[in-house]
Amino acid sequence: MITNPSICHAHVYFDVGMTHVATNVCRRAAEKFSLQMGRVHQKPVGPHSKPSCQLIIPLPKLETVLPWLDHHRQGLSVLIHSVTGDDLADHTDGCFWLGTPHPLKLNIFQ
């Protein structure tokens, strides 16, 4: 559940053979909704257990972006989390998934 941040992050997870698919989904979303697209990580970084690309979504756009992202994610899993400054809470209480959830390395926040 997203609880009152001004922005959210969406991490589109992919396997190595699906890099182009995930990148395309993120680019299309960024262009369609005027979002900032982060780097495409070819390996797991931070708490993420899979390669991913990131979208930065202003909270007022979330309601419009989510249905589009869910419809166009092409079977990829997407973690959406709040950005409040409390990384552990953002990646646990302040998150939800589109598709299959993947384990997160939460111990990095302790």
C-alpha atoms as a PDB file:
ATOM      1  CA  MET A   1       0.000   0.000   0.000  1.00  0.00           C
ATOM      2  CA  ILE A   2       1.393   3.404  -0.999  1.00  0.00           C
ATOM      3  CA  THR A   3       1.133   5.839   1.890  1.00  0.00           C
ATOM      4  CA  ASN A   4       1.422   9.501   0.995  1.00  0.00           C
ATOM      5  CA  PRO A   5       4.760   9.946  -0.815  1.00  0.00           C
ATOM      6  CA  SER A   6       5.193  12.500  -3.577  1.00  0.00           C
ATOM      7  CA  ILE A   7       6.780   9.915  -5.879  1.00  0.00           C
ATOM      8  CA  CYS A   8       6.882   6.159  -6.320  1.00  0.00           C
ATOM      9  CA  HIS A   9       9.361   3.892  -8.023  1.00  0.00           C
ATOM     10  CA  ALA A  10       8.343   1.088 -10.351  1.00  0.00           C
ATOM     11  CA  HIS A  11      11.002  -1.567 -10.902  1.00  0.00           C
ATOM     12  CA  VAL A  12      10.357  -3.742 -13.947  1.00  0.00           C
ATOM     13  CA  TYR A  13      12.150  -7.051 -13.338  1.00  0.00           C
ATOM     14  CA  PHE A  14      13.504  -9.199 -16.138  1.00  0.00           C
ATOM     15  CA  ASP A  15      15.684 -12.171 -16.947  1.00  0.00           C
ATOM     16  CA  VAL A  16      18.743 -11.494 -19.082  1.00  0.00           C
ATOM     17  CA  GLY A  17      17.040 -12.634 -22.305  1.00  0.00           C
ATOM     18  CA  MET A  18      14.189 -10.182 -21.693  1.00  0.00           C
ATOM     19  CA  THR A  19      16.272  -7.001 -21.314  1.00  0.00           C
ATOM     20  CA  HIS A  20      14.918  -5.509 -24.536  1.00  0.00           C
ATOM     21  CA  VAL A  21      11.304  -6.242 -23.545  1.00  0.00           C
ATOM     22  CA  ALA A  22      11.650  -4.580 -20.126  1.00  0.00           C
ATOM     23  CA  THR A  23      13.535  -1.625 -21.591  1.00  0.00           C
ATOM     24  CA  ASN A  24      10.829  -1.159 -24.213  1.00  0.00           C
ATOM     25  CA  VAL A  25       8.048  -1.273 -21.600  1.00  0.00           C
ATOM     26  CA  CYS A  26       9.841   1.365 -19.511  1.00  0.00           C
ATOM     27  CA  ARG A  27      10.616   3.601 -22.493  1.00  0.00           C
ATOM     28  CA  ARG A  28       7.034   3.468 -23.736  1.00  0.00           C
ATOM     29  CA  ALA A  29       5.679   4.304 -20.271  1.00  0.00           C
ATOM     30  CA  ALA A  30       8.196   7.133 -19.848  1.00  0.00           C
ATOM     31  CA  GLU A  31       7.226   8.650 -23.202  1.00  0.00           C
ATOM     32  CA  LYS A  32       3.472   8.167 -22.825  1.00  0.00           C
ATOM     33  CA  PHE A  33       3.236   9.585 -19.294  1.00  0.00           C
ATOM     34  CA  SER A  34       6.247  11.960 -19.254  1.00  0.00           C
ATOM     35  CA  LEU A  35       8.018   9.904 -16.602  1.00  0.00           C
ATOM     36  CA  GLN A  36      11.683   9.776 -15.775  1.00  0.00           C
ATOM     37  CA  MET A  37      13.246   6.424 -16.637  1.00  0.00           C
ATOM     38  CA  GLY A  38      16.185   5.283 -14.550  1.00  0.00           C
ATOM     39  CA  ARG A  39      19.028   3.034 -15.543  1.00  0.00           C
ATOM     40  CA  VAL A  40      18.549  -0.462 -16.863  1.00  0.00           C
ATOM     41  CA  HIS A  41      20.498  -2.684 -14.466  1.00  0.00           C
ATOM     42  CA  GLN A  42      21.802  -5.825 -16.157  1.00  0.00           C
ATOM     43  CA  LYS A  43      22.336  -7.493 -12.772  1.00  0.00           C
ATOM     44  CA  PRO A  44      20.632  -7.308  -9.380  1.00  0.00           C
ATOM     45  CA  VAL A  45      21.378  -4.097  -7.462  1.00  0.00           C
ATOM     46  CA  GLY A  46      20.376  -2.907  -4.015  1.00  0.00           C
ATOM     47  CA  PRO A  47      17.516  -4.929  -2.572  1.00  0.00           C
ATOM     48  CA  HIS A  48      16.491  -6.313  -5.968  1.00  0.00           C
ATOM     49  CA  SER A  49      17.126  -9.998  -6.640  1.00  0.00           C
ATOM     50  CA  LYS A  50      16.808  -9.694 -10.426  1.00  0.00           C
ATOM     51  CA  PRO A  51      17.930  -7.261 -13.123  1.00  0.00           C
ATOM     52  CA  SER A  52      15.496  -4.359 -13.428  1.00  0.00           C
ATOM     53  CA  CYS A  53      14.768  -0.989 -14.921  1.00  0.00           C
ATOM     54  CA  GLN A  54      13.166   1.813 -12.961  1.00  0.00           C
ATOM     55  CA  LEU A  55      10.453   4.362 -13.571  1.00  0.00           C
ATOM     56  CA  ILE A  56       9.934   7.367 -11.313  1.00  0.00           C
ATOM     57  CA  ILE A  57       6.214   8.050 -11.035  1.00  0.00           C
ATOM     58  CA  PRO A  58       4.833  11.228  -9.450  1.00  0.00           C
ATOM     59  CA  LEU A  59       1.972  10.243  -7.155  1.00  0.00           C
ATOM     60  CA  PRO A  60      -0.692  12.196  -9.124  1.00  0.00           C
ATOM     61  CA  LYS A  61       0.119  10.050 -12.204  1.00  0.00           C
ATOM     62  CA  LEU A  62       0.104   6.702 -10.397  1.00  0.00           C
ATOM     63  CA  GLU A  63      -3.601   6.042 -10.894  1.00  0.00           C
ATOM     64  CA  THR A  64      -3.228   6.479 -14.658  1.00  0.00           C
ATOM     65  CA  VAL A  65       0.134   4.722 -15.075  1.00  0.00           C
ATOM     66  CA  LEU A  66      -0.672   1.543 -13.125  1.00  0.00           C
ATOM     67  CA  PRO A  67      -3.447   0.157 -15.360  1.00  0.00           C
ATOM     68  CA  TRP A  68      -1.345   0.862 -18.439  1.00  0.00           C
ATOM     69  CA  LEU A  69       1.744  -0.725 -16.894  1.00  0.00           C
ATOM     70  CA  ASP A  70      -0.205  -3.783 -15.754  1.00  0.00           C
ATOM     71  CA  HIS A  71      -1.671  -4.228 -19.234  1.00  0.00           C
ATOM     72  CA  HIS A  72       1.636  -3.696 -21.103  1.00  0.00           C
ATOM     73  CA  ARG A  73       4.175  -5.408 -18.810  1.00  0.00           C
ATOM     74  CA  GLN A  74       4.235  -8.493 -21.080  1.00  0.00           C
ATOM     75  CA  GLY A  75       4.335 -10.967 -18.210  1.00  0.00           C
ATOM     76  CA  LEU A  76       7.163  -9.184 -16.393  1.00  0.00           C
ATOM     77  CA  SER A  77       6.931  -8.595 -12.655  1.00  0.00           C
ATOM     78  CA  VAL A  78       6.839  -5.013 -11.422  1.00  0.00           C
ATOM     79  CA  LEU A  79       7.530  -3.804  -7.890  1.00  0.00           C
ATOM     80  CA  ILE A  80       5.924  -0.451  -7.084  1.00  0.00           C
ATOM     81  CA  HIS A  81       7.038   1.216  -3.876  1.00  0.00           C
ATOM     82  CA  SER A  82       6.725   4.524  -2.123  1.00  0.00           C
ATOM     83  CA  VAL A  83       9.717   6.828  -1.650  1.00  0.00           C
ATOM     84  CA  THR A  84       9.461   8.287   1.844  1.00  0.00           C
ATOM     85  CA  GLY A  85      13.065   8.104   2.996  1.00  0.00           C
ATOM     86  CA  ASP A  86      12.441   4.950   5.044  1.00  0.00           C
ATOM     87  CA  ASP A  87      13.771   2.364   2.590  1.00  0.00           C
ATOM     88  CA  LEU A  88      12.814  -0.679   4.670  1.00  0.00           C
ATOM     89  CA  ALA A  89       9.217   0.492   5.107  1.00  0.00           C
ATOM     90  CA  ASP A  90       9.025   1.566   1.456  1.00  0.00           C
ATOM     91  CA  HIS A  91      10.064  -1.911   0.275  1.00  0.00           C
ATOM     92  CA  THR A  92       7.765  -3.763   2.704  1.00  0.00           C
ATOM     93  CA  ASP A  93       4.724  -1.822   3.960  1.00  0.00           C
ATOM     94  CA  GLY A  94       4.803   0.739   1.146  1.00  0.00           C
ATOM     95  CA  CYS A  95       4.919  -1.605  -1.833  1.00  0.00           C
ATOM     96  CA  PHE A  96       2.847  -3.868  -4.037  1.00  0.00           C
ATOM     97  CA  TRP A  97       3.442  -6.063  -7.070  1.00  0.00           C
ATOM     98  CA  LEU A  98       2.114  -6.453 -10.572  1.00  0.00           C
ATOM     99  CA  GLY A  99       2.767 -10.069 -11.499  1.00  0.00           C
ATOM    100  CA  THR A 100       4.796 -12.555  -9.490  1.00  0.00           C
ATOM    101  CA  PRO A 101       6.574 -11.131  -6.429  1.00  0.00           C
ATOM    102  CA  HIS A 102      10.308 -11.774  -6.147  1.00  0.00           C
ATOM    103  CA  PRO A 103      12.305 -11.935  -2.929  1.00  0.00           C
ATOM    104  CA  LEU A 104      13.996  -8.709  -1.870  1.00  0.00           C
ATOM    105  CA  LYS A 105      17.311  -8.459  -0.018  1.00  0.00           C
ATOM    106  CA  LEU A 106      15.902  -6.390   2.852  1.00  0.00           C
ATOM    107  CA  ASN A 107      18.928  -6.945   5.098  1.00  0.00           C
ATOM    108  CA  ILE A 108      20.741  -4.155   3.228  1.00  0.00           C
ATOM    109  CA  PHE A 109      18.450  -1.652   4.987  1.00  0.00           C
ATOM    110  CA  GLN A 110      19.522  -2.677   8.505  1.00  0.00           C
END
